[in-house]
Amino acid sequence: MKRIKLLVLLVHDQQEAFDFYTEKLGFRTHTDAAFGEGNRWLTICLPEQPDVEIALSLAANDDMKARVGNQLDADNALFGIATEDIKADIAALKAKGVEMASDLIEQPYGKFVFFKDLYGNKLYLSEEK
C-alpha cells in the first residue's frame, strides 16, 4: 500500500454538498461523471492536493441516510484540513456562514478549530508550528 486515494462522504444531495464544499471550503471538482441509470460519480479535492479525492456519495438506502452527518461519532472529526493562516481561514469560514464547533484551540504543536459541514459532520482546520 502506498497512499490514501479516496474518502467517501455520504450526502443527501450531491449538488448541495458539492456547492458547500466548493463555495465555502474551497474544494474543486476532481471528477464529475454520469454512470449507470441516474447515478453520478462526483469527487472533489483541494487544489493543492488533487491526488486525494472525496467522493460525495448519495445515500441510497435508509441505513446510509441515517449515517449522513454522522459517519463518525459526534466527538471525533471526520477529517482535518491543514492551513498556513488559521485565523484568516476561520474569519473566511465564518463570513461564509460555516458553523464553528469550537473556539480556536492552541497547543504546543499548533492551533486547531473544529467546524461543521452542511450535514453536521465535524471537521477540523489545523495550523502546525
N, C-alpha and C. Protein backbone atom coordinates (compact mmCIF):
# COMPACT_ATOMS: atom_id res chain seq x y z
N MET A 1 0.84 -1.18 0.00
CA MET A 1 0.00 0.00 0.00
C MET A 1 0.88 1.24 0.00
N LYS A 2 0.41 2.29 -0.71
CA LYS A 2 1.24 3.47 -0.89
C LYS A 2 0.66 4.75 -0.33
N ARG A 3 -0.65 4.98 -0.53
CA ARG A 3 -1.22 6.27 -0.12
C ARG A 3 -2.74 6.18 -0.10
N ILE A 4 -3.35 7.12 0.57
CA ILE A 4 -4.80 7.23 0.54
C ILE A 4 -5.20 7.93 -0.74
N LYS A 5 -6.13 7.37 -1.46
CA LYS A 5 -6.60 7.91 -2.73
C LYS A 5 -7.98 8.55 -2.62
N LEU A 6 -8.87 7.92 -1.82
CA LEU A 6 -10.27 8.33 -1.83
C LEU A 6 -10.91 8.16 -0.46
N LEU A 7 -11.67 9.16 -0.05
CA LEU A 7 -12.53 9.09 1.12
C LEU A 7 -13.96 9.20 0.61
N VAL A 8 -14.90 8.54 1.29
CA VAL A 8 -16.29 8.58 0.86
C VAL A 8 -17.11 9.33 1.91
N LEU A 9 -17.85 10.32 1.46
CA LEU A 9 -18.71 11.12 2.32
C LEU A 9 -20.14 10.91 1.86
N LEU A 10 -20.96 10.35 2.74
CA LEU A 10 -22.38 10.15 2.43
C LEU A 10 -23.11 11.48 2.49
N VAL A 11 -23.95 11.74 1.48
CA VAL A 11 -24.68 13.00 1.41
C VAL A 11 -26.14 12.73 1.02
N HIS A 12 -27.01 13.67 1.39
CA HIS A 12 -28.41 13.59 0.98
C HIS A 12 -28.60 14.10 -0.43
N ASP A 13 -27.78 15.07 -0.83
CA ASP A 13 -27.92 15.71 -2.13
C ASP A 13 -26.52 16.04 -2.64
N GLN A 14 -26.13 15.44 -3.74
CA GLN A 14 -24.76 15.63 -4.23
C GLN A 14 -24.48 17.07 -4.62
N GLN A 15 -25.42 17.73 -5.29
CA GLN A 15 -25.17 19.10 -5.74
C GLN A 15 -25.09 20.05 -4.55
N GLU A 16 -25.96 19.85 -3.57
CA GLU A 16 -25.94 20.67 -2.36
C GLU A 16 -24.61 20.52 -1.63
N ALA A 17 -24.13 19.29 -1.49
CA ALA A 17 -22.85 19.04 -0.83
C ALA A 17 -21.70 19.63 -1.66
N PHE A 18 -21.76 19.44 -2.97
CA PHE A 18 -20.74 20.00 -3.86
C PHE A 18 -20.66 21.51 -3.70
N ASP A 19 -21.81 22.17 -3.70
CA ASP A 19 -21.84 23.63 -3.55
C ASP A 19 -21.21 24.06 -2.24
N PHE A 20 -21.53 23.37 -1.14
CA PHE A 20 -20.95 23.72 0.16
C PHE A 20 -19.43 23.56 0.14
N TYR A 21 -18.96 22.41 -0.29
CA TYR A 21 -17.52 22.14 -0.23
C TYR A 21 -16.72 23.01 -1.20
N THR A 22 -17.29 23.37 -2.34
CA THR A 22 -16.54 24.21 -3.28
C THR A 22 -16.66 25.68 -2.94
N GLU A 23 -17.87 26.14 -2.65
CA GLU A 23 -18.08 27.57 -2.42
C GLU A 23 -17.64 28.03 -1.03
N LYS A 24 -17.80 27.20 -0.03
CA LYS A 24 -17.48 27.62 1.33
C LYS A 24 -16.10 27.16 1.80
N LEU A 25 -15.67 25.98 1.33
CA LEU A 25 -14.40 25.44 1.82
C LEU A 25 -13.26 25.48 0.79
N GLY A 26 -13.56 25.81 -0.44
CA GLY A 26 -12.51 25.97 -1.44
C GLY A 26 -12.06 24.70 -2.16
N PHE A 27 -12.82 23.61 -2.03
CA PHE A 27 -12.51 22.41 -2.81
C PHE A 27 -12.83 22.67 -4.27
N ARG A 28 -12.37 21.80 -5.14
CA ARG A 28 -12.69 21.90 -6.57
C ARG A 28 -13.13 20.54 -7.09
N THR A 29 -13.72 20.56 -8.25
CA THR A 29 -14.14 19.31 -8.89
C THR A 29 -12.93 18.49 -9.28
N HIS A 30 -12.94 17.23 -8.93
CA HIS A 30 -11.93 16.31 -9.46
C HIS A 30 -12.56 15.51 -10.60
N THR A 31 -13.67 14.83 -10.30
CA THR A 31 -14.38 14.03 -11.30
C THR A 31 -15.87 14.25 -11.16
N ASP A 32 -16.53 14.46 -12.27
CA ASP A 32 -17.99 14.57 -12.30
C ASP A 32 -18.46 13.83 -13.54
N ALA A 33 -18.94 12.61 -13.34
CA ALA A 33 -19.30 11.77 -14.47
C ALA A 33 -20.58 10.99 -14.18
N ALA A 34 -21.43 10.92 -15.18
CA ALA A 34 -22.63 10.09 -15.07
C ALA A 34 -22.21 8.64 -15.23
N PHE A 35 -22.88 7.77 -14.47
CA PHE A 35 -22.65 6.34 -14.68
C PHE A 35 -23.94 5.60 -14.35
N GLY A 36 -24.22 4.58 -15.09
CA GLY A 36 -25.44 3.83 -14.86
C GLY A 36 -26.66 4.71 -15.07
N GLU A 37 -27.77 4.25 -14.59
CA GLU A 37 -29.02 4.96 -14.77
C GLU A 37 -29.25 5.95 -13.63
N GLY A 38 -29.07 7.23 -13.91
CA GLY A 38 -29.32 8.27 -12.93
C GLY A 38 -28.28 8.41 -11.84
N ASN A 39 -27.15 7.78 -11.99
CA ASN A 39 -26.09 7.87 -10.97
C ASN A 39 -25.03 8.87 -11.41
N ARG A 40 -24.35 9.43 -10.42
CA ARG A 40 -23.31 10.43 -10.66
C ARG A 40 -22.11 10.13 -9.79
N TRP A 41 -20.94 10.00 -10.41
CA TRP A 41 -19.69 9.85 -9.68
C TRP A 41 -19.10 11.25 -9.55
N LEU A 42 -19.17 11.80 -8.34
CA LEU A 42 -18.76 13.18 -8.10
C LEU A 42 -17.71 13.19 -7.00
N THR A 43 -16.49 13.60 -7.36
CA THR A 43 -15.43 13.71 -6.37
C THR A 43 -14.87 15.12 -6.38
N ILE A 44 -14.40 15.52 -5.20
CA ILE A 44 -13.79 16.82 -5.02
C ILE A 44 -12.40 16.64 -4.42
N CYS A 45 -11.61 17.69 -4.51
CA CYS A 45 -10.27 17.66 -3.91
C CYS A 45 -9.86 19.08 -3.59
N LEU A 46 -8.85 19.21 -2.77
CA LEU A 46 -8.27 20.52 -2.53
C LEU A 46 -7.37 20.87 -3.71
N PRO A 47 -7.32 22.12 -4.12
CA PRO A 47 -6.50 22.50 -5.27
C PRO A 47 -5.04 22.07 -5.16
N GLU A 48 -4.48 22.11 -3.95
CA GLU A 48 -3.08 21.75 -3.78
C GLU A 48 -2.86 20.27 -3.49
N GLN A 49 -3.95 19.49 -3.51
CA GLN A 49 -3.83 18.06 -3.22
C GLN A 49 -4.79 17.25 -4.10
N PRO A 50 -4.61 17.30 -5.41
CA PRO A 50 -5.54 16.61 -6.31
C PRO A 50 -5.47 15.09 -6.26
N ASP A 51 -4.48 14.55 -5.59
CA ASP A 51 -4.35 13.09 -5.54
C ASP A 51 -5.17 12.45 -4.41
N VAL A 52 -5.83 13.27 -3.57
CA VAL A 52 -6.71 12.75 -2.53
C VAL A 52 -8.11 13.28 -2.82
N GLU A 53 -9.01 12.38 -3.18
CA GLU A 53 -10.37 12.76 -3.55
C GLU A 53 -11.36 12.42 -2.43
N ILE A 54 -12.42 13.21 -2.37
CA ILE A 54 -13.56 12.90 -1.50
C ILE A 54 -14.74 12.66 -2.43
N ALA A 55 -15.29 11.46 -2.37
CA ALA A 55 -16.46 11.13 -3.17
C ALA A 55 -17.70 11.58 -2.42
N LEU A 56 -18.51 12.39 -3.06
CA LEU A 56 -19.78 12.82 -2.50
C LEU A 56 -20.80 11.78 -2.94
N SER A 57 -21.01 10.81 -2.07
CA SER A 57 -21.79 9.62 -2.41
C SER A 57 -23.23 9.76 -1.90
N LEU A 58 -24.17 9.67 -2.82
CA LEU A 58 -25.58 9.80 -2.48
C LEU A 58 -26.02 8.64 -1.60
N ALA A 59 -26.57 8.96 -0.45
CA ALA A 59 -27.09 7.94 0.46
C ALA A 59 -28.30 7.28 -0.21
N ALA A 60 -28.18 6.00 -0.49
CA ALA A 60 -29.17 5.32 -1.34
C ALA A 60 -30.21 4.51 -0.59
N ASN A 61 -29.99 4.22 0.68
CA ASN A 61 -30.97 3.43 1.42
C ASN A 61 -31.11 4.01 2.83
N ASP A 62 -32.04 3.47 3.60
CA ASP A 62 -32.33 4.03 4.92
C ASP A 62 -31.13 4.00 5.85
N ASP A 63 -30.35 2.92 5.82
CA ASP A 63 -29.17 2.83 6.69
C ASP A 63 -28.16 3.91 6.32
N MET A 64 -27.91 4.09 5.03
CA MET A 64 -26.98 5.13 4.59
C MET A 64 -27.51 6.52 4.92
N LYS A 65 -28.80 6.73 4.71
CA LYS A 65 -29.40 8.05 5.01
C LYS A 65 -29.27 8.39 6.49
N ALA A 66 -29.39 7.39 7.34
CA ALA A 66 -29.26 7.62 8.79
C ALA A 66 -27.84 8.00 9.18
N ARG A 67 -26.87 7.65 8.35
CA ARG A 67 -25.47 7.94 8.66
C ARG A 67 -24.98 9.28 8.11
N VAL A 68 -25.77 9.92 7.26
CA VAL A 68 -25.38 11.22 6.73
C VAL A 68 -25.23 12.19 7.90
N GLY A 69 -24.10 12.85 7.97
CA GLY A 69 -23.83 13.78 9.06
C GLY A 69 -23.32 13.12 10.31
N ASN A 70 -23.26 11.81 10.30
CA ASN A 70 -22.82 11.07 11.49
C ASN A 70 -22.09 9.79 11.08
N GLN A 71 -21.19 9.91 10.13
CA GLN A 71 -20.42 8.74 9.71
C GLN A 71 -19.42 8.33 10.77
N LEU A 72 -19.08 9.26 11.62
CA LEU A 72 -18.16 9.03 12.73
C LEU A 72 -18.87 9.56 13.96
N ASP A 73 -18.59 9.03 15.11
CA ASP A 73 -19.32 9.55 16.27
C ASP A 73 -19.07 11.05 16.42
N ALA A 74 -20.01 11.73 17.03
CA ALA A 74 -20.01 13.20 17.06
C ALA A 74 -18.83 13.82 17.80
N ASP A 75 -18.10 13.05 18.59
CA ASP A 75 -16.97 13.61 19.32
C ASP A 75 -15.68 13.64 18.52
N ASN A 76 -15.69 13.05 17.34
CA ASN A 76 -14.48 12.99 16.53
C ASN A 76 -14.70 13.68 15.19
N ALA A 77 -13.63 14.21 14.64
CA ALA A 77 -13.70 14.84 13.33
C ALA A 77 -13.59 13.79 12.23
N LEU A 78 -14.34 13.99 11.18
CA LEU A 78 -14.31 13.08 10.04
C LEU A 78 -12.97 13.18 9.31
N PHE A 79 -12.47 14.41 9.14
CA PHE A 79 -11.13 14.63 8.59
C PHE A 79 -10.68 16.04 8.92
N GLY A 80 -9.40 16.29 8.73
CA GLY A 80 -8.84 17.60 9.02
C GLY A 80 -8.20 18.20 7.78
N ILE A 81 -8.11 19.52 7.77
CA ILE A 81 -7.53 20.27 6.66
C ILE A 81 -6.42 21.15 7.23
N ALA A 82 -5.26 21.11 6.62
CA ALA A 82 -4.13 21.93 7.06
C ALA A 82 -4.21 23.33 6.45
N THR A 83 -3.75 24.31 7.20
CA THR A 83 -3.71 25.69 6.73
C THR A 83 -2.42 26.35 7.20
N GLU A 84 -2.08 27.44 6.57
CA GLU A 84 -0.92 28.22 6.99
C GLU A 84 -1.32 29.46 7.77
N ASP A 85 -2.63 29.82 7.72
CA ASP A 85 -3.11 31.01 8.43
C ASP A 85 -4.50 30.72 8.98
N ILE A 86 -4.54 30.06 10.12
CA ILE A 86 -5.80 29.59 10.67
C ILE A 86 -6.75 30.73 11.04
N LYS A 87 -6.22 31.82 11.54
CA LYS A 87 -7.10 32.93 11.94
C LYS A 87 -7.79 33.54 10.73
N ALA A 88 -7.08 33.70 9.64
CA ALA A 88 -7.69 34.23 8.41
C ALA A 88 -8.72 33.25 7.86
N ASP A 89 -8.41 31.96 7.91
CA ASP A 89 -9.35 30.96 7.41
C ASP A 89 -10.59 30.86 8.28
N ILE A 90 -10.44 31.00 9.59
CA ILE A 90 -11.61 31.00 10.48
C ILE A 90 -12.51 32.18 10.13
N ALA A 91 -11.93 33.35 9.95
CA ALA A 91 -12.71 34.53 9.59
C ALA A 91 -13.44 34.32 8.26
N ALA A 92 -12.74 33.73 7.29
CA ALA A 92 -13.36 33.49 5.98
C ALA A 92 -14.50 32.48 6.09
N LEU A 93 -14.30 31.41 6.87
CA LEU A 93 -15.35 30.41 7.05
C LEU A 93 -16.57 31.04 7.72
N LYS A 94 -16.35 31.80 8.76
CA LYS A 94 -17.46 32.46 9.45
C LYS A 94 -18.21 33.41 8.52
N ALA A 95 -17.47 34.16 7.71
CA ALA A 95 -18.08 35.09 6.76
C ALA A 95 -18.96 34.37 5.74
N LYS A 96 -18.63 33.11 5.46
CA LYS A 96 -19.42 32.31 4.51
C LYS A 96 -20.52 31.52 5.19
N GLY A 97 -20.68 31.73 6.51
CA GLY A 97 -21.76 31.08 7.23
C GLY A 97 -21.47 29.67 7.70
N VAL A 98 -20.20 29.27 7.71
CA VAL A 98 -19.84 27.94 8.19
C VAL A 98 -19.93 27.94 9.72
N GLU A 99 -20.56 26.91 10.27
CA GLU A 99 -20.75 26.80 11.71
C GLU A 99 -19.49 26.29 12.40
N MET A 100 -18.99 27.07 13.33
CA MET A 100 -17.85 26.65 14.13
C MET A 100 -18.35 25.71 15.23
N ALA A 101 -17.58 24.69 15.53
CA ALA A 101 -17.94 23.73 16.58
C ALA A 101 -17.04 23.87 17.81
N SER A 102 -16.09 24.79 17.74
CA SER A 102 -15.23 25.07 18.89
C SER A 102 -14.61 26.44 18.69
N ASP A 103 -14.01 26.94 19.75
CA ASP A 103 -13.17 28.12 19.64
C ASP A 103 -11.80 27.65 19.15
N LEU A 104 -10.95 28.59 18.81
CA LEU A 104 -9.58 28.26 18.43
C LEU A 104 -8.88 27.63 19.62
N ILE A 105 -8.25 26.50 19.39
CA ILE A 105 -7.53 25.76 20.44
C ILE A 105 -6.05 25.86 20.13
N GLU A 106 -5.26 26.30 21.11
CA GLU A 106 -3.82 26.41 20.91
C GLU A 106 -3.11 25.38 21.76
N GLN A 107 -2.23 24.62 21.12
CA GLN A 107 -1.44 23.58 21.78
C GLN A 107 0.03 23.81 21.45
N PRO A 108 0.95 23.18 22.16
CA PRO A 108 2.37 23.36 21.85
C PRO A 108 2.74 22.99 20.41
N TYR A 109 2.00 22.09 19.80
CA TYR A 109 2.30 21.64 18.44
C TYR A 109 1.60 22.46 17.36
N GLY A 110 0.66 23.35 17.75
CA GLY A 110 -0.03 24.16 16.77
C GLY A 110 -1.41 24.58 17.24
N LYS A 111 -2.20 25.08 16.29
CA LYS A 111 -3.55 25.57 16.57
C LYS A 111 -4.55 24.77 15.75
N PHE A 112 -5.76 24.62 16.29
CA PHE A 112 -6.81 23.99 15.51
C PHE A 112 -8.18 24.45 15.96
N VAL A 113 -9.14 24.24 15.10
CA VAL A 113 -10.52 24.60 15.37
C VAL A 113 -11.42 23.56 14.69
N PHE A 114 -12.51 23.23 15.35
CA PHE A 114 -13.49 22.33 14.77
C PHE A 114 -14.61 23.14 14.14
N PHE A 115 -15.13 22.65 13.02
CA PHE A 115 -16.29 23.28 12.38
C PHE A 115 -17.15 22.18 11.78
N LYS A 116 -18.33 22.55 11.29
CA LYS A 116 -19.25 21.55 10.76
C LYS A 116 -19.55 21.79 9.29
N ASP A 117 -19.77 20.69 8.59
CA ASP A 117 -20.20 20.82 7.20
C ASP A 117 -21.72 20.98 7.17
N LEU A 118 -22.30 21.02 6.01
CA LEU A 118 -23.73 21.29 5.89
C LEU A 118 -24.61 20.22 6.51
N TYR A 119 -24.09 19.01 6.73
CA TYR A 119 -24.88 17.94 7.33
C TYR A 119 -24.55 17.72 8.81
N GLY A 120 -23.62 18.50 9.34
CA GLY A 120 -23.26 18.37 10.74
C GLY A 120 -22.03 17.53 11.01
N ASN A 121 -21.38 17.02 9.97
CA ASN A 121 -20.12 16.30 10.18
C ASN A 121 -19.11 17.27 10.77
N LYS A 122 -18.41 16.82 11.79
CA LYS A 122 -17.38 17.65 12.40
C LYS A 122 -16.08 17.47 11.61
N LEU A 123 -15.48 18.58 11.23
CA LEU A 123 -14.19 18.62 10.53
C LEU A 123 -13.28 19.52 11.35
N TYR A 124 -12.00 19.49 11.04
CA TYR A 124 -11.12 20.45 11.73
C TYR A 124 -10.13 21.08 10.79
N LEU A 125 -9.69 22.25 11.19
CA LEU A 125 -8.70 23.03 10.47
C LEU A 125 -7.51 23.15 11.41
N SER A 126 -6.30 22.92 10.91
CA SER A 126 -5.13 22.99 11.79
C SER A 126 -3.97 23.76 11.15
N GLU A 127 -3.25 24.43 12.01
CA GLU A 127 -2.03 25.14 11.63
C GLU A 127 -0.92 24.63 12.53
N GLU A 128 0.02 23.94 11.94
CA GLU A 128 1.14 23.39 12.72
C GLU A 128 2.18 24.45 12.95
N LYS A 129 2.94 24.29 14.04
CA LYS A 129 4.04 25.21 14.33
C LYS A 129 5.25 24.84 13.54
